[in-house]
Amino acid sequence: MRYIFAFWAAPMAIFWGWFYLSANDINFGYTMLSRQMHDFFFQLYGQMLGIDPVTIPDMVAKACVFDGFLLIALWAFRRRREITGWVSRRWAGPGPFDRMRGAIEAGPKLPAE
C-alpha cells in the first residue's frame, strides 16, 4: 500500500512544485520554470480541451483531492479489521469516573526535608 501512496504522491509533488514555482516565476535560470512556459502549457491544454486555461488548475486540484479520498478509502477498506478493533477498544476503555479519579489523585509523595 505504501508503494501505491508513493506512486500517487510523487507525481503530485512534482506537478504542484512545478506549478508553484512557474506561477510565481521562480525559475532558477531554467526555462521550464518560467512564467512564459507556465502560460504556454496552460494555453495549450486549454486549447486541446476546449476550455478556459484559468480553470485547469482548479480541475486538477479537485481531481487530486478525489484521488486522495479514493486512496484513503481503499486503505481503510484493507485495514477495516484493525480500525474496528481500535474503535471497539476506545469505546470499551475506562469510564469517565476512572479517568477523573486518575487525574485528581495525589501524585508521588516527596520525602520531607
Protein backbone atom coordinates (compact mmCIF):
# COMPACT_ATOMS: atom_id res chain seq x y z
CA MET A 1 0.00 0.00 0.00
CA ARG A 2 2.89 2.35 0.68
CA TYR A 3 4.05 1.94 -2.90
CA ILE A 4 0.63 2.95 -4.17
CA PHE A 5 0.75 6.08 -1.99
CA ALA A 6 4.29 6.81 -3.19
CA PHE A 7 3.41 6.36 -6.87
CA TRP A 8 0.45 8.68 -6.33
CA ALA A 9 2.21 11.32 -4.24
CA ALA A 10 5.42 11.63 -6.30
CA PRO A 11 3.78 12.94 -9.50
CA MET A 12 1.54 15.20 -7.42
CA ALA A 13 4.55 16.70 -5.66
CA ILE A 14 6.36 17.20 -8.97
CA PHE A 15 3.34 18.81 -10.65
CA TRP A 16 2.42 21.10 -7.75
CA GLY A 17 6.06 22.02 -7.22
CA TRP A 18 6.36 22.98 -10.88
CA PHE A 19 3.04 24.81 -10.74
CA TYR A 20 4.01 26.89 -7.69
CA LEU A 21 7.46 27.76 -8.99
CA SER A 22 6.32 28.61 -12.51
CA ALA A 23 3.22 30.53 -11.40
CA ASN A 24 5.40 32.72 -9.19
CA ASP A 25 8.18 32.89 -11.82
CA ILE A 26 10.80 31.37 -9.53
CA ASN A 27 12.81 29.82 -12.34
CA PHE A 28 16.42 29.49 -11.08
CA GLY A 29 17.52 30.10 -14.68
CA TYR A 30 15.50 27.17 -16.09
CA THR A 31 13.14 27.96 -18.93
CA MET A 32 10.78 25.19 -17.82
CA LEU A 33 10.04 27.05 -14.58
CA SER A 34 9.40 30.43 -16.21
CA ARG A 35 6.03 32.14 -16.21
CA GLN A 36 6.03 32.21 -20.02
CA MET A 37 6.28 28.41 -20.14
CA HIS A 38 3.55 28.14 -17.48
CA ASP A 39 1.21 30.29 -19.55
CA PHE A 40 2.14 28.41 -22.74
CA PHE A 41 1.34 24.98 -21.25
CA PHE A 42 -1.98 26.02 -19.79
CA GLN A 43 -2.91 27.83 -23.01
CA LEU A 44 -2.06 24.63 -24.94
CA TYR A 45 -4.06 22.42 -22.54
CA GLY A 46 -6.96 24.86 -22.70
CA GLN A 47 -6.99 24.73 -26.50
CA MET A 48 -6.78 20.92 -26.53
CA LEU A 49 -9.63 20.57 -24.03
CA GLY A 50 -11.65 23.46 -25.39
CA ILE A 51 -11.93 25.20 -22.01
CA ASP A 52 -10.62 28.34 -20.37
CA PRO A 53 -6.99 27.78 -19.25
CA VAL A 54 -7.68 29.51 -15.91
CA THR A 55 -9.99 26.67 -14.82
CA ILE A 56 -7.44 23.89 -15.39
CA PRO A 57 -5.55 24.22 -12.04
CA ASP A 58 -8.86 24.06 -10.14
CA MET A 59 -9.86 20.96 -12.06
CA VAL A 60 -6.51 19.30 -11.32
CA ALA A 61 -6.81 20.21 -7.62
CA LYS A 62 -10.29 18.68 -7.43
CA ALA A 63 -9.01 15.52 -9.14
CA CYS A 64 -6.12 15.29 -6.66
CA VAL A 65 -8.47 15.61 -3.68
CA PHE A 66 -10.83 13.00 -5.14
CA ASP A 67 -7.93 10.61 -5.80
CA GLY A 68 -6.66 11.18 -2.26
CA PHE A 69 -10.05 10.31 -0.75
CA LEU A 70 -10.26 7.27 -3.02
CA LEU A 71 -6.85 6.04 -1.84
CA ILE A 72 -7.74 6.65 1.81
CA ALA A 73 -10.99 4.70 1.32
CA LEU A 74 -9.04 1.84 -0.25
CA TRP A 75 -6.57 1.87 2.65
CA ALA A 76 -9.40 1.95 5.21
CA PHE A 77 -11.14 -0.94 3.47
CA ARG A 78 -7.98 -3.01 3.58
CA ARG A 79 -7.44 -2.17 7.28
CA ARG A 80 -11.09 -2.39 8.35
CA ARG A 81 -10.47 -5.12 10.97
CA GLU A 82 -7.72 -3.13 12.68
CA ILE A 83 -9.81 0.04 12.56
CA THR A 84 -12.90 -1.64 14.04
CA GLY A 85 -10.73 -3.23 16.75
CA TRP A 86 -9.25 0.16 17.61
CA VAL A 87 -12.71 1.76 17.75
CA SER A 88 -14.10 -1.01 19.96
CA ARG A 89 -11.11 -0.70 22.32
CA ARG A 90 -11.68 3.06 22.54
CA TRP A 91 -15.35 2.57 23.41
CA ALA A 92 -14.62 -0.19 25.93
CA GLY A 93 -11.97 1.85 27.74
CA PRO A 94 -12.22 3.08 31.30
CA GLY A 95 -15.34 5.02 32.19
CA PRO A 96 -15.33 8.75 32.86
CA PHE A 97 -15.12 8.25 36.65
CA ASP A 98 -11.98 6.13 36.36
CA ARG A 99 -10.35 8.72 34.13
CA MET A 100 -11.30 11.55 36.50
CA ARG A 101 -10.01 9.63 39.54
CA GLY A 102 -6.67 9.12 37.82
CA ALA A 103 -6.42 12.84 37.11
CA ILE A 104 -7.22 14.08 40.64
CA GLU A 105 -5.25 11.53 42.67
CA ALA A 106 -2.31 12.83 44.59
CA GLY A 107 0.99 12.45 42.84
CA PRO A 108 4.07 10.72 44.27
CA LYS A 109 4.94 11.58 47.87
CA LEU A 110 8.15 13.51 48.16
CA PRO A 111 10.37 12.97 51.22
CA ALA A 112 10.19 15.68 53.84
CA GLU A 113 13.21 17.82 54.24
